[in-house]
Protein backbone atom coordinates (compact mmCIF):
# COMPACT_ATOMS: atom_id res chain seq x y z
CA MET A 1 0.07 -0.19 0.16
CA GLN A 2 2.71 2.31 1.10
CA ASN A 3 4.76 1.81 -2.48
CA LYS A 4 0.98 2.48 -4.73
CA LEU A 5 0.38 5.83 -2.87
CA ARG A 6 3.96 6.79 -2.98
CA GLY A 7 3.40 5.94 -7.01
CA ASN A 8 0.44 7.62 -7.01
CA ALA A 9 1.79 11.00 -5.70
CA MET A 10 4.86 10.83 -8.04
CA ILE A 11 2.47 10.38 -10.57
CA LEU A 12 0.32 13.16 -9.79
CA LEU A 13 3.90 15.44 -8.69
CA ILE A 14 4.86 14.85 -12.47
CA MET A 15 1.40 16.01 -13.55
CA VAL A 16 1.52 19.29 -12.04
CA LEU A 17 5.03 20.07 -12.95
CA LEU A 18 3.33 19.59 -16.95
CA LEU A 19 0.73 21.59 -15.93
CA THR A 20 2.93 24.24 -14.63
CA LEU A 21 4.62 24.51 -18.33
CA PHE A 22 1.28 25.78 -19.50
CA PRO A 23 0.23 29.29 -19.10
CA LEU A 24 -2.47 30.60 -16.93
CA PHE A 25 -3.40 32.85 -19.56
CA SER A 26 -4.63 32.27 -23.15
CA LYS A 27 -3.17 34.52 -25.86
CA GLY A 28 -4.72 35.43 -28.91
CA GLN A 29 -4.98 38.34 -31.77
CA GLY A 30 -1.63 39.83 -29.77
CA GLU A 31 -3.96 40.15 -26.27
CA THR A 32 -3.20 38.23 -23.26
CA LYS A 33 -5.80 37.35 -21.08
CA LYS A 34 -4.89 36.45 -17.78
CA THR A 35 -7.26 33.79 -15.77
CA THR A 36 -7.90 35.18 -11.75
CA MET A 37 -7.71 32.50 -9.53
CA GLN A 38 -7.97 32.47 -5.54
CA GLU A 39 -5.51 30.88 -3.51
CA VAL A 40 -6.68 29.13 -0.03
CA VAL A 41 -3.61 28.56 1.93
CA PHE A 42 -3.91 25.22 4.02
CA TRP A 43 -1.53 24.77 7.21
CA HIS A 44 -1.21 21.02 8.35
CA SER A 45 0.79 19.15 10.32
CA ASN A 46 0.45 15.59 8.26
CA SER A 47 3.99 13.90 7.80
CA GLY A 48 4.96 10.50 5.92
CA LEU A 49 2.01 8.65 4.46
CA GLN A 50 -0.22 11.41 5.61
CA GLN A 51 1.58 13.74 3.84
CA GLU A 52 1.22 11.93 0.76
CA ALA A 53 -2.16 11.24 0.87
CA MET A 54 -3.33 14.71 1.95
CA THR A 55 -0.82 16.25 -1.34
CA LEU A 56 -2.62 13.57 -3.27
CA LEU A 57 -6.03 14.67 -2.32
CA VAL A 58 -5.32 18.15 -2.73
CA GLN A 59 -4.13 17.90 -6.16
CA THR A 60 -7.15 16.23 -7.22
CA PHE A 61 -9.01 19.14 -6.13
CA ASN A 62 -6.71 21.10 -7.92
CA ASP A 63 -6.79 19.52 -11.03
CA THR A 64 -10.74 19.34 -11.33
CA ILE A 65 -13.08 20.87 -8.61
CA GLY A 66 -10.28 24.04 -8.05
CA ARG A 67 -10.09 24.50 -11.66
CA GLU A 68 -13.94 24.50 -12.46
CA ASN A 69 -14.07 27.47 -10.01
CA SER A 70 -10.94 29.13 -10.55
CA VAL A 71 -9.70 27.95 -7.13
CA VAL A 72 -5.98 26.84 -6.17
CA VAL A 73 -5.02 25.43 -2.75
CA ARG A 74 -1.71 25.91 -1.43
CA GLU A 75 -0.63 23.56 1.10
CA ILE A 76 2.33 23.98 3.65
CA TYR A 77 3.45 21.64 6.09
CA GLN A 78 3.95 23.75 9.25
CA GLY A 79 5.29 20.61 11.33
CA LYS A 80 3.88 18.65 14.67
CA ALA A 81 0.04 19.64 15.34
CA ALA A 82 1.82 21.80 18.51
CA ASP A 83 4.25 24.01 15.40
CA VAL A 84 0.62 24.66 13.82
CA ALA A 85 -0.51 26.05 17.27
CA THR A 86 2.27 27.65 17.98
CA LYS A 87 2.24 29.83 14.86
CA LEU A 88 -1.12 30.21 14.68
CA ARG A 89 -1.11 31.95 18.23
CA ALA A 90 1.57 34.53 17.39
CA SER A 91 -0.61 35.69 14.75
CA LEU A 92 -3.88 35.24 17.10
CA GLN A 93 -2.39 37.29 20.32
CA SER A 94 -0.67 40.14 18.06
CA GLY A 95 -4.21 40.19 15.91
CA ARG A 96 -2.18 40.39 12.23
CA ASN A 97 -5.23 38.19 11.01
CA LYS A 98 -3.26 39.03 7.13
CA ASP A 99 -0.71 36.20 8.29
CA LEU A 100 -3.63 33.71 9.13
CA PRO A 101 -3.73 30.96 6.52
CA ASP A 102 -7.56 30.24 4.74
CA ILE A 103 -7.48 26.65 6.75
CA ALA A 104 -5.28 25.38 9.75
CA GLN A 105 -5.21 21.70 10.75
CA LEU A 106 -5.39 21.15 14.57
CA ASP A 107 -5.71 18.65 17.45
CA ALA A 108 -7.25 18.87 20.74
CA THR A 109 -4.35 20.77 22.08
CA GLY A 110 -4.63 23.55 19.81
CA VAL A 111 -8.32 24.48 20.35
CA MET A 112 -8.39 26.91 23.11
CA ASP A 113 -5.76 29.37 21.31
CA VAL A 114 -8.69 29.86 18.36
CA ARG A 115 -11.97 28.58 19.45
CA ASP A 116 -12.86 32.32 21.07
CA SER A 117 -10.92 34.04 18.36
CA VAL A 118 -13.02 36.97 16.33
CA PHE A 119 -10.66 35.79 13.59
CA LEU A 120 -12.21 31.86 13.55
CA VAL A 121 -14.42 31.12 11.13
CA PRO A 122 -16.83 28.45 12.32
CA ALA A 123 -17.85 25.59 10.00
CA SER A 124 -21.30 25.68 11.16
CA ASP A 125 -21.68 29.37 9.62
CA LEU A 126 -20.07 28.00 6.37
CA ALA A 127 -22.43 25.26 6.54
CA ASP A 128 -25.44 27.61 7.21
CA ALA A 129 -25.16 29.21 3.49
CA ASP A 130 -25.09 25.66 1.79
CA ALA A 131 -28.25 24.31 1.43
CA SER A 132 -26.48 20.75 -0.11
CA PHE A 133 -24.91 20.04 3.18
CA ASP A 134 -26.04 18.29 6.29
CA PHE A 135 -23.79 17.87 9.87
CA SER A 136 -26.09 14.60 9.88
CA GLN A 137 -24.36 13.52 7.02
CA LEU A 138 -20.60 12.75 9.71
CA GLN A 139 -20.43 10.78 12.41
CA PRO A 140 -22.16 12.36 15.36
CA GLY A 141 -19.60 11.73 17.92
CA ALA A 142 -16.67 13.53 15.24
CA VAL A 143 -18.85 16.28 15.04
CA LEU A 144 -19.66 16.70 18.59
CA SER A 145 -15.28 16.53 19.35
CA THR A 146 -15.54 20.04 17.58
CA THR A 147 -18.26 21.43 19.43
CA TYR A 148 -17.91 24.26 21.44
CA LYS A 149 -20.80 26.26 23.11
CA ASN A 150 -23.52 23.89 20.79
CA LYS A 151 -21.46 25.50 17.38
CA VAL A 152 -19.00 23.25 14.98
CA ILE A 153 -16.17 25.41 15.06
CA GLY A 154 -13.78 23.04 13.13
CA MET A 155 -14.52 20.77 10.52
CA PRO A 156 -13.66 17.22 11.51
CA PHE A 157 -11.23 15.46 9.21
CA ASN A 158 -8.52 13.29 10.70
CA CYS A 159 -10.67 11.53 13.01
CA SER A 160 -9.31 8.46 15.35
CA THR A 161 -9.59 6.46 17.72
CA ILE A 162 -7.15 4.86 20.53
CA VAL A 163 -7.10 0.81 19.98
CA LEU A 164 -5.04 -2.16 21.20
CA TYR A 165 -2.14 -3.48 18.83
CA TYR A 166 -1.08 -6.45 20.11
CA ASN A 167 1.55 -9.54 19.17
CA LYS A 168 -0.79 -12.36 17.66
CA ASP A 169 2.48 -14.84 17.67
CA ALA A 170 3.57 -13.39 21.16
CA PHE A 171 0.11 -14.38 22.45
CA ILE A 172 0.30 -17.86 20.89
CA GLU A 173 4.20 -18.22 22.14
CA VAL A 174 3.01 -18.11 26.07
CA GLY A 175 -0.61 -19.80 25.32
CA LEU A 176 -2.98 -16.80 25.01
CA ASP A 177 -5.83 -17.10 22.45
CA PRO A 178 -4.89 -14.54 19.55
CA GLN A 179 -8.54 -13.84 18.82
CA HIS A 180 -9.34 -12.54 22.39
CA PRO A 181 -7.21 -9.66 23.54
CA PRO A 182 -8.00 -8.50 26.93
CA ARG A 183 -11.00 -6.70 27.61
CA THR A 184 -10.50 -5.18 30.78
CA LEU A 185 -7.60 -3.72 32.88
CA ALA A 186 -7.57 -6.75 34.98
CA GLU A 187 -7.36 -9.11 32.19
CA LEU A 188 -4.60 -6.49 30.74
CA ALA A 189 -3.08 -6.84 33.73
CA ASP A 190 -3.10 -11.09 33.59
CA TYR A 191 -1.83 -10.94 29.87
CA THR A 192 0.90 -8.05 30.36
CA GLY A 193 2.21 -10.26 33.12
CA LYS A 194 1.96 -13.44 30.99
CA LEU A 195 3.92 -12.16 28.07
CA ALA A 196 6.97 -10.64 29.20
CA LYS A 197 10.17 -11.72 28.41
CA TYR A 198 12.87 -12.10 30.71
CA SER A 199 16.35 -13.15 30.08
CA ALA A 200 18.21 -16.23 31.34
CA ASP A 201 19.36 -14.95 34.64
CA GLY A 202 16.05 -12.81 35.28
CA LYS A 203 18.32 -9.58 35.66
CA SER A 204 17.00 -7.89 32.20
CA ILE A 205 14.06 -7.55 30.55
CA GLU A 206 14.09 -9.13 26.69
CA ARG A 207 10.40 -8.36 25.78
CA TYR A 208 7.77 -6.05 27.76
CA GLY A 209 4.01 -7.48 27.89
CA PHE A 210 2.86 -3.93 27.43
CA ALA A 211 4.63 -0.57 27.29
CA GLY A 212 2.90 3.14 27.92
CA ILE A 213 2.24 6.02 30.99
CA PRO A 214 -1.16 7.08 30.25
CA THR A 215 -1.74 10.83 28.75
CA THR A 216 -4.20 12.61 28.65
CA TYR A 217 -5.16 11.02 25.56
CA GLU A 218 -5.98 7.56 27.10
CA LEU A 219 -7.67 8.76 30.40
CA VAL A 220 -10.45 10.92 29.05
CA SER A 221 -11.41 7.21 27.69
CA TRP A 222 -10.91 5.97 30.98
CA ILE A 223 -12.87 8.68 32.93
CA GLY A 224 -15.58 9.12 30.39
CA GLN A 225 -16.90 5.38 29.81
CA GLN A 226 -17.35 4.88 34.05
CA HIS A 227 -20.52 5.60 35.67
CA GLY A 228 -22.13 5.85 31.82
CA LEU A 229 -20.18 9.17 31.03
CA SER A 230 -17.73 11.17 33.27
CA TYR A 231 -15.98 14.24 32.69
CA MET A 232 -11.98 15.10 33.05
CA THR A 233 -13.40 18.52 34.19
CA ASP A 234 -16.36 20.42 34.72
CA MET A 235 -18.00 22.16 31.68
CA ALA A 236 -18.14 18.66 29.46
CA ASN A 237 -14.61 19.12 29.15
CA GLY A 238 -14.19 22.32 28.42
CA HIS A 239 -16.99 22.46 25.44
CA GLU A 240 -19.37 24.70 27.44
CA GLY A 241 -16.92 26.63 28.31
CA ASN A 242 -13.51 27.28 29.63
CA PRO A 243 -13.34 24.75 32.74
CA THR A 244 -12.75 25.58 35.98
CA ARG A 245 -11.49 22.52 37.94
CA VAL A 246 -10.97 18.44 37.42
CA VAL A 247 -14.02 16.53 38.22
CA PHE A 248 -12.21 13.41 38.57
CA ASP A 249 -11.24 13.65 41.59
CA GLU A 250 -15.55 14.11 43.15
CA ASN A 251 -16.63 10.85 41.40
CA ASP A 252 -13.66 8.93 42.40
CA THR A 253 -12.91 7.95 38.51
CA MET A 254 -9.27 8.84 38.48
CA ALA A 255 -8.96 6.51 42.06
CA THR A 256 -10.64 3.85 40.44
CA PHE A 257 -8.83 4.16 37.20
CA LEU A 258 -5.47 4.44 39.15
CA THR A 259 -6.12 0.93 41.20
CA GLU A 260 -6.68 -0.73 37.78
CA TRP A 261 -3.66 0.67 36.64
CA ARG A 262 -1.25 -0.10 39.75
CA LYS A 263 -2.59 -4.06 39.28
CA VAL A 264 -0.64 -3.51 36.00
CA TYR A 265 2.22 -2.24 36.62
CA GLU A 266 2.62 -4.86 39.65
CA SER A 267 2.21 -8.13 37.10
CA GLY A 268 6.31 -7.65 36.43
CA GLY A 269 5.59 -7.03 32.35
CA LEU A 270 4.69 -3.01 32.39
CA GLY A 271 7.28 -0.75 30.64
CA ASN A 272 7.42 2.48 31.81
CA LEU A 273 8.17 4.07 28.57
CA SER A 274 6.85 7.00 26.96
CA ALA A 275 8.92 7.57 23.93
CA ASN A 276 9.61 5.14 20.62
CA ILE A 277 7.08 2.78 21.60
CA ARG A 278 6.10 1.88 18.25
CA GLN A 279 9.47 0.87 17.17
CA GLU A 280 9.75 -1.23 20.23
CA PHE A 281 6.39 -2.97 19.08
CA SER A 282 7.62 -3.46 15.39
CA ALA A 283 10.89 -5.13 16.47
CA GLY A 284 8.85 -7.39 18.89
CA LYS A 285 10.24 -5.83 22.68
CA VAL A 286 6.72 -5.05 23.24
CA ALA A 287 4.10 -7.53 23.16
CA MET A 288 0.92 -4.69 23.66
CA HIS A 289 0.42 -0.95 23.20
CA VAL A 290 -2.54 1.40 22.65
CA ALA A 291 -2.48 4.10 20.02
CA SER A 292 -4.23 5.68 17.73
CA THR A 293 -6.04 4.03 14.25
CA SER A 294 -4.33 6.45 12.49
CA GLY A 295 -0.78 4.81 12.71
CA LEU A 296 -2.46 1.53 11.56
CA SER A 297 -1.23 1.47 8.00
CA THR A 298 2.62 3.15 9.39
CA LEU A 299 2.82 0.08 12.03
CA LEU A 300 2.14 -2.66 9.00
CA ALA A 301 4.92 -1.21 7.20
CA SER A 302 7.21 -0.66 10.38
CA ILE A 303 6.56 -4.96 10.97
CA ASP A 304 6.75 -5.47 7.11
CA GLY A 305 5.75 -9.37 8.25
CA ARG A 306 7.82 -10.04 11.28
CA PHE A 307 4.34 -11.23 13.05
CA GLU A 308 1.11 -11.01 13.19
CA LEU A 309 -0.74 -7.82 13.98
CA GLY A 310 -3.74 -7.96 16.40
CA VAL A 311 -6.23 -5.04 16.29
CA GLY A 312 -8.75 -4.97 19.56
CA PHE A 313 -11.19 -2.82 21.71
CA PHE A 314 -9.32 -0.45 23.64
CA PRO A 315 -9.74 -2.12 27.67
CA LYS A 316 -12.34 -1.41 29.67
CA VAL A 317 -11.42 0.03 33.63
CA ASN A 318 -13.22 -3.07 34.60
CA ASP A 319 -16.54 -4.66 34.50
CA GLN A 320 -18.81 -2.09 35.41
CA ALA A 321 -17.38 0.79 32.83
CA THR A 322 -19.41 0.75 29.65
CA GLY A 323 -16.85 1.03 27.43
CA GLY A 324 -16.40 3.28 24.79
CA VAL A 325 -13.62 5.74 23.17
CA ASN A 326 -13.24 9.27 22.82
CA ILE A 327 -12.68 10.74 19.00
CA GLY A 328 -8.83 12.23 18.63
CA GLY A 329 -6.93 13.25 15.85
CA GLY A 330 -7.71 16.71 14.71
CA ALA A 331 -9.85 19.04 12.43
CA LEU A 332 -9.37 21.66 10.14
CA PHE A 333 -10.53 25.48 11.14
CA ALA A 334 -11.16 28.28 8.80
CA PHE A 335 -10.03 31.79 9.33
CA ASP A 336 -10.70 35.28 8.45
CA ASN A 337 -7.70 36.50 7.04
CA GLY A 338 -8.82 38.92 4.31
CA ASN A 339 -8.56 36.83 1.39
CA ASP A 340 -11.37 34.73 -0.20
CA PRO A 341 -14.51 37.07 0.41
CA GLY A 342 -17.22 35.30 2.29
CA LYS A 343 -14.80 31.77 3.01
CA LYS A 344 -16.25 30.98 -0.54
CA ALA A 345 -13.58 28.91 -2.25
CA THR A 346 -12.01 27.97 1.86
CA TRP A 347 -15.67 25.91 1.69
CA LEU A 348 -15.31 24.20 -1.28
CA PHE A 349 -12.44 22.69 -0.26
CA LEU A 350 -13.47 21.65 2.73
CA LYS A 351 -16.66 20.10 1.25
CA PHE A 352 -14.36 18.04 -1.42
CA LEU A 353 -12.46 16.92 1.66
CA MET A 354 -15.69 15.20 3.58
CA ASN A 355 -16.99 13.53 0.63
CA SER A 356 -17.43 10.13 0.63
CA GLU A 357 -14.84 9.29 -2.18
CA SER A 358 -12.16 11.79 -0.52
CA GLN A 359 -12.99 10.45 3.38
CA PHE A 360 -12.37 6.71 1.59
CA ALA A 361 -8.73 7.64 -0.07
CA TRP A 362 -8.10 9.70 3.25
CA HIS A 363 -8.90 6.45 5.01
CA LYS A 364 -7.30 3.35 3.08
CA ALA A 365 -4.27 5.61 3.13
CA THR A 366 -3.72 6.45 6.85
CA GLY A 367 -6.42 5.03 8.78
CA TYR A 368 -8.54 7.56 10.28
CA PHE A 369 -11.81 6.08 10.36
CA PRO A 370 -14.24 7.85 7.42
CA VAL A 371 -16.26 10.84 9.22
CA ASN A 372 -18.55 11.00 6.34
CA LEU A 373 -21.80 8.18 6.80
CA GLU A 374 -22.19 7.83 3.03
CA THR A 375 -17.94 5.99 2.59
CA TYR A 376 -19.71 2.91 4.74
CA GLU A 377 -21.99 2.59 1.67
CA LEU A 378 -19.26 2.44 -0.87
CA PRO A 379 -18.57 -0.62 -2.53
CA GLN A 380 -14.89 -0.08 -2.66
CA PHE A 381 -14.95 0.71 1.13
CA LYS A 382 -16.64 -2.78 1.73
CA GLU A 383 -14.41 -4.76 -0.19
CA HIS A 384 -11.45 -2.61 1.60
CA VAL A 385 -12.72 -3.34 4.98
CA VAL A 386 -13.34 -7.27 3.89
CA GLU A 387 -9.34 -7.48 2.82
CA ASN A 388 -8.28 -5.72 5.20
CA PRO A 389 -10.45 -6.64 8.39
CA LEU A 390 -7.95 -4.55 11.14
CA PHE A 391 -9.73 -1.63 9.77
CA GLN A 392 -12.99 -2.44 11.06
CA VAL A 393 -12.07 -2.94 14.74
CA ALA A 394 -11.88 0.92 15.46
CA ILE A 395 -14.87 1.12 13.20
CA ASP A 396 -16.73 -1.30 15.49
CA GLN A 397 -15.30 0.07 18.70
CA LEU A 398 -16.51 3.85 17.71
CA ASN A 399 -20.15 2.69 16.75
CA ALA A 400 -19.95 1.00 20.21
CA SER A 401 -19.06 4.11 21.70
CA ASN A 402 -20.84 6.89 23.58
CA PRO A 403 -20.44 9.93 21.34
CA GLU A 404 -20.53 12.16 24.71
CA ILE A 405 -17.24 10.77 25.28
CA GLN A 406 -15.18 13.38 24.26
CA SER A 407 -11.52 15.28 24.56
CA VAL A 408 -10.58 17.65 27.03
CA TRP A 409 -9.94 21.44 26.40
CA TRP A 410 -8.36 22.96 28.54
CA PRO A 411 -5.14 25.37 29.20
CA ASN A 412 -1.70 24.49 29.26
CA ALA A 413 -2.48 21.19 27.55
CA TYR A 414 0.84 20.29 26.61
CA GLN A 415 2.40 20.89 30.52
CA ALA A 416 -0.96 18.64 31.84
CA TYR A 417 -0.52 16.00 29.34
CA TYR A 418 3.32 15.45 31.24
CA GLU A 419 2.70 16.04 34.05
CA ILE A 420 -0.26 13.51 34.59
CA GLN A 421 2.66 11.14 33.10
CA ASN A 422 4.66 12.18 35.73
CA ARG A 423 3.07 11.71 38.07
CA ILE A 424 1.53 8.29 37.62
CA LEU A 425 5.11 7.45 37.20
CA GLU A 426 5.83 8.89 40.67
CA MET A 427 3.18 6.55 42.03
CA LEU A 428 4.13 3.09 40.41
CA GLU A 429 8.15 3.75 40.86
CA GLN A 430 7.78 5.19 44.11
CA SER A 431 4.43 3.16 46.04
CA LEU A 432 2.73 6.57 46.80
CA GLY A 433 -0.84 6.29 47.38
CA VAL A 434 -3.21 6.39 45.22
CA GLU A 435 -5.59 9.05 46.87
CA GLN A 436 -2.54 11.17 47.35
CA THR A 437 -1.68 11.27 43.64
CA VAL A 438 -4.90 12.02 42.64
CA SER A 439 -5.07 15.42 45.22
CA SER A 440 -1.95 16.17 43.82
CA LEU A 441 -2.90 16.17 39.90
CA ALA A 442 -5.60 17.70 40.86
CA SER A 443 -4.02 20.65 42.44
CA VAL A 444 -1.59 20.99 39.94
CA LEU A 445 -3.91 21.00 37.04
CA ASN A 446 -6.97 23.32 39.31
CA GLN A 447 -3.96 25.77 39.52
CA TYR A 448 -3.58 25.53 35.19
CA MET A 449 -6.96 26.77 34.96
CA ALA A 450 -7.74 28.47 37.36
CA ASN A 451 -4.05 31.26 36.28
CA TYR A 452 -6.04 30.53 32.84
CA ASN A 453 -9.40 31.93 33.80
CA ARG A 454 -7.97 34.98 36.09
CA MET A 455 -6.61 35.94 32.65
CA ASN A 456 -8.90 35.67 30.28
CA PRO A 457 -12.35 36.75 32.76
CA SER A 458 -14.45 37.13 29.59
CA MET A 459 -14.13 33.75 28.10
């Protein structure tokens, strides 16, 4: 798949280069008539296979709908999602709206910077002007993932969920059923211990049963699936307004999770790794880990047939939890930068990205699930999931999840991310109490929110 995608991208690149040989003006009777093209500037954070897939989509638009409507999209890779957010923040805070792109791709950590900006053009405002578009065409959870104060502020696009990846060969090796991955954290603890492999002298570990330190991404789901539906913070994880405090310390959801997570650690097979987990998994040094569905294509390429990959549902906290996952990934946000009056050209491109065929191409190349519900009815999509059943697991899990389990939008998102990891790591390695860890986490995170709200009282 990777070679095919690269081949297609190269062919289209050559096509674009050839097209540049043709002038953007026509000559007749000694006169030159210039064609006016409306440019749409698009900042994104896609790299690797994802960048190739995005370039393919942009070129397809420019060569078809864009050409027919005198619109050309200029994509600019700005680095990681954090880099896009940083560059946007600089322009927004200075009020230099002319420096803004027409569209920017952001993940949940960057939403706080744009959601209240006067320069943001909400996706629902653009959709309201187009009778042919209805958000009911899209996955409900995806739409809710970009909804703020009952308005869809960004177009959900590179949407993903978190799944369990596991080494089926390792399962068979230790007598575990490769068709039945762990359903709960208690089962995860049991499997983790059995899958761990130590050196002959028992002094070093050669394979971790499971690797990873929980982050905000995982906790939103592990907290959210308890008591039917729970949130990390008040204000519905920030989707109803600026959050003011965490609530996981009030309903024991964090304590319940940490108690179960300690069992995984005590199994003796947990690797507290925060980097290079995919590489370690691909090399057979980790038997299980949880990660985004968006990495499935890349992961398969990395494994390169060394073992059979298994994909399972994200394990539940316990048997009482309802299960389910939040939608991660990112969305596309439009800005008023003085370019593209009425954002008509911008909307034309956004609609193209959301149509069923574009969503299928994006899904097939990257692993992100289709946001457009009509994609699932395409014959080529049905054929694709039959031939590639691992992609179906994430879709089944999504359909079984409560769409109201949502990412948390809060200030100091990156600091909170690492704060959560550090506190959990300290609890495990220093044998700290669960309640002590919950209290310290709540204190730090609440201070982040208090400081932000003090500086932004009107938000």
